[in-house]
Amino acid sequence: MSLLSNLQPDLVLGGSILSLTPDIIKDQQLKGLVLDVDQTLVPMTTKAVSKELKQWVEEIRLVAALWLVSNNLSQSRIGNIADSLNLPYILGARKPSRRKLKRAVEAMNLPVEQVAMVGDRLFTDVLAGNRLGMFTILVEPIRDPTVSVASHPTRNLEVWLSQALGVSLSDKQQNFIKPDKTQKNEI
């Protein structure tokens, strides 16, 4: 696989992780999700999860196994988030390394093709998931309600660079599914 194809998510959601529904998961025949934490589930500086996220996890766990895999090394912060969601977690993933993603998938006891990597970053989450052969889902970063203007300079640079290389991430498409490697579908 080329770098370009490794940066192309299978599904681009036009909203936060909360817009990932059980129906989408079922339609993609997914049985497990590996979730990034920072800016995918909670803002970078937040230590607590929202009640909306807790409700989302409860809905999703009915259709898919869930694991948190974070590059963050803060045992207390990531551990508290995982504990509040009652989810297993792995710290210090060093994405785009595949090693810890593979460990989470193996713990789910599912084929890698039935597990999605869900995150807000192309050069970490999507790249790692694609390198392992997972279905990849790019979501918009979660917004910190205390900040009036959201700023994600690293992600913005990744999106710009990826699009310059030819990756399809059109802002006009609310939901885009990478073709079964051959055709485009929309949800």
Protein backbone atom coordinates (compact mmCIF):
# COMPACT_ATOMS: atom_id res chain seq x y z
CA MET A 1 0.00 0.00 0.00
CA SER A 2 1.20 3.49 -0.80
CA LEU A 3 1.38 6.34 1.69
CA LEU A 4 -1.48 7.99 -0.16
CA SER A 5 -3.79 4.98 0.17
CA ASN A 6 -2.77 4.58 3.82
CA LEU A 7 -3.94 8.14 4.51
CA GLN A 8 -7.35 7.62 2.89
CA PRO A 9 -9.99 6.81 5.51
CA ASP A 10 -12.66 4.28 4.63
CA LEU A 11 -15.32 6.53 6.13
CA VAL A 12 -15.22 10.28 6.71
CA LEU A 13 -17.90 11.53 9.08
CA GLY A 14 -18.86 15.18 8.89
CA GLY A 15 -19.32 15.33 12.66
CA SER A 16 -17.85 14.16 15.94
CA ILE A 17 -17.74 10.56 17.08
CA LEU A 18 -21.27 11.04 18.39
CA SER A 19 -22.43 10.95 14.74
CA LEU A 20 -21.19 7.36 14.39
CA THR A 21 -24.38 5.35 14.79
CA PRO A 22 -25.07 1.68 15.43
CA ASP A 23 -26.63 1.53 11.95
CA ILE A 24 -23.41 2.73 10.30
CA ILE A 25 -21.44 0.15 12.27
CA LYS A 26 -23.85 -2.62 11.25
CA ASP A 27 -23.90 -1.46 7.60
CA GLN A 28 -20.10 -1.75 7.49
CA GLN A 29 -20.28 -5.20 9.16
CA LEU A 30 -18.02 -4.07 11.99
CA LYS A 31 -17.88 -6.01 15.25
CA GLY A 32 -15.31 -3.89 17.10
CA LEU A 33 -14.04 -0.33 17.39
CA VAL A 34 -10.66 0.90 18.55
CA LEU A 35 -11.16 4.48 19.69
CA ASP A 36 -8.62 7.26 19.93
CA VAL A 37 -9.12 9.38 23.05
CA ASP A 38 -7.74 12.92 22.75
CA GLN A 39 -9.96 15.10 20.57
CA THR A 40 -11.88 12.03 19.40
CA LEU A 41 -13.73 11.29 22.65
CA VAL A 42 -12.81 14.31 24.79
CA PRO A 43 -11.05 17.64 24.28
CA MET A 44 -7.29 17.49 24.92
CA THR A 45 -7.43 19.16 28.33
CA THR A 46 -10.57 17.47 29.64
CA LYS A 47 -10.39 14.78 32.30
CA ALA A 48 -14.08 13.90 32.42
CA VAL A 49 -16.43 12.52 29.77
CA SER A 50 -19.72 14.10 28.80
CA LYS A 51 -23.03 12.44 29.52
CA GLU A 52 -23.61 12.38 25.73
CA LEU A 53 -20.43 10.35 25.27
CA LYS A 54 -21.46 7.94 28.04
CA GLN A 55 -24.83 7.45 26.31
CA TRP A 56 -23.09 6.94 22.95
CA VAL A 57 -20.78 4.28 24.43
CA GLU A 58 -23.75 2.45 25.95
CA GLU A 59 -25.53 2.40 22.57
CA ILE A 60 -22.46 1.34 20.61
CA ARG A 61 -21.36 -1.40 23.01
CA LEU A 62 -24.59 -3.23 22.10
CA VAL A 63 -23.28 -3.72 18.54
CA ALA A 64 -19.48 -3.61 18.84
CA ALA A 65 -16.64 -4.39 21.21
CA LEU A 66 -14.80 -1.21 22.28
CA TRP A 67 -11.19 -0.47 23.24
CA LEU A 68 -9.44 2.84 23.85
CA VAL A 69 -5.96 3.19 22.36
CA SER A 70 -4.18 6.47 23.02
CA ASN A 71 -0.78 7.95 22.24
CA ASN A 72 -1.13 9.83 25.53
CA LEU A 73 1.04 8.60 28.40
CA SER A 74 -1.05 10.01 31.27
CA GLN A 75 -2.19 6.96 33.23
CA SER A 76 -4.33 9.07 35.54
CA ARG A 77 -6.13 11.01 32.79
CA ILE A 78 -6.66 8.22 30.24
CA GLY A 79 -7.30 5.69 33.00
CA ASN A 80 -10.02 7.90 34.52
CA ILE A 81 -11.65 8.40 31.13
CA ALA A 82 -11.57 4.65 30.43
CA ASP A 83 -12.87 3.81 33.91
CA SER A 84 -15.76 6.27 33.60
CA LEU A 85 -16.75 4.58 30.33
CA ASN A 86 -16.03 1.09 31.68
CA LEU A 87 -13.71 0.36 28.74
CA PRO A 88 -10.32 -1.35 28.46
CA TYR A 89 -7.48 0.89 27.33
CA ILE A 90 -3.89 1.02 26.14
CA LEU A 91 -1.57 3.98 26.69
CA GLY A 92 1.46 5.14 24.74
CA ALA A 93 0.36 3.59 21.45
CA ARG A 94 2.86 5.58 19.37
CA LYS A 95 0.49 5.64 16.42
CA PRO A 96 1.07 5.28 13.50
CA SER A 97 2.77 2.21 14.97
CA ARG A 98 0.47 -0.81 14.63
CA ARG A 99 1.67 -2.79 17.64
CA LYS A 100 -0.79 -1.58 20.29
CA LEU A 101 -3.69 -1.50 17.83
CA LYS A 102 -2.95 -5.12 17.04
CA ARG A 103 -2.95 -5.91 20.76
CA ALA A 104 -6.41 -4.34 21.17
CA VAL A 105 -7.78 -6.22 18.15
CA GLU A 106 -6.36 -9.50 19.45
CA ALA A 107 -7.97 -8.85 22.85
CA MET A 108 -11.32 -8.47 21.07
CA ASN A 109 -10.73 -11.86 19.45
CA LEU A 110 -12.01 -10.54 16.11
CA PRO A 111 -10.57 -10.56 12.60
CA VAL A 112 -8.83 -7.25 11.94
CA GLU A 113 -11.14 -6.61 8.96
CA GLN A 114 -14.14 -6.48 11.31
CA VAL A 115 -12.59 -3.82 13.55
CA ALA A 116 -12.47 -0.08 12.82
CA MET A 117 -9.93 2.44 14.02
CA VAL A 118 -11.85 5.62 14.86
CA GLY A 119 -9.99 8.89 15.31
CA ASP A 120 -9.63 12.53 14.41
CA ARG A 121 -6.11 12.43 12.92
CA LEU A 122 -4.95 11.24 9.50
CA PHE A 123 -1.25 10.78 10.23
CA THR A 124 -1.78 8.81 13.43
CA ASP A 125 -5.19 7.14 13.67
CA VAL A 126 -6.04 6.59 9.99
CA LEU A 127 -2.48 5.75 8.98
CA ALA A 128 -2.06 3.20 11.80
CA GLY A 129 -5.44 1.58 11.15
CA ASN A 130 -4.88 1.29 7.41
CA ARG A 131 -1.38 -0.12 7.93
CA LEU A 132 -2.91 -2.88 10.06
CA GLY A 133 -5.71 -3.58 7.55
CA MET A 134 -8.51 -2.15 9.70
CA PHE A 135 -11.54 -0.23 8.48
CA THR A 136 -10.74 3.42 9.26
CA ILE A 137 -13.13 6.17 10.30
CA LEU A 138 -12.14 9.84 10.45
CA VAL A 139 -14.26 12.02 12.71
CA GLU A 140 -14.21 15.73 13.40
CA PRO A 141 -12.38 16.66 16.61
CA ILE A 142 -14.62 16.94 19.64
CA ARG A 143 -15.20 20.56 20.64
CA ASP A 144 -14.37 21.97 24.04
CA PRO A 145 -17.56 23.82 25.07
CA THR A 146 -15.53 26.34 27.08
CA VAL A 147 -13.58 27.49 24.00
CA SER A 148 -15.40 29.81 21.61
CA VAL A 149 -13.22 29.08 18.56
CA ALA A 150 -11.85 25.60 18.07
CA SER A 151 -8.29 25.46 16.81
CA HIS A 152 -6.68 22.27 15.55
CA PRO A 153 -3.53 23.42 13.71
CA THR A 154 -1.86 20.00 13.48
CA ARG A 155 -5.00 18.36 12.14
CA ASN A 156 -5.57 21.24 9.74
CA LEU A 157 -2.03 20.81 8.39
CA GLU A 158 -2.58 17.05 8.01
CA VAL A 159 -5.83 17.60 6.11
CA TRP A 160 -4.24 20.22 3.84
CA LEU A 161 -1.19 18.04 3.13
CA SER A 162 -3.31 14.92 2.54
CA GLN A 163 -5.59 16.74 0.14
CA ALA A 164 -2.56 18.16 -1.67
CA LEU A 165 -1.41 14.54 -2.11
CA GLY A 166 -4.80 13.55 -3.52
CA VAL A 167 -6.67 12.12 -0.52
CA SER A 168 -10.44 12.72 -0.77
CA LEU A 169 -11.72 14.50 2.35
CA SER A 170 -14.19 16.95 0.85
CA ASP A 171 -15.81 19.20 3.44
CA LYS A 172 -18.95 19.13 1.29
CA GLN A 173 -19.41 15.41 1.87
CA GLN A 174 -20.96 14.81 5.27
CA ASN A 175 -20.31 11.10 5.11
CA PHE A 176 -17.96 9.54 2.62
CA ILE A 177 -17.18 5.86 2.40
CA LYS A 178 -13.99 4.84 0.65
CA PRO A 179 -15.04 2.47 -2.08
CA ASP A 180 -14.55 -1.21 -1.62
CA LYS A 181 -11.24 -0.12 -2.97
CA THR A 182 -13.06 0.48 -6.32
CA GLN A 183 -16.23 2.61 -5.99
CA LYS A 184 -17.67 5.51 -3.95
CA ASN A 185 -20.76 5.14 -1.79
CA GLU A 186 -22.52 7.64 0.42
CA ILE A 187 -24.48 7.03 3.58
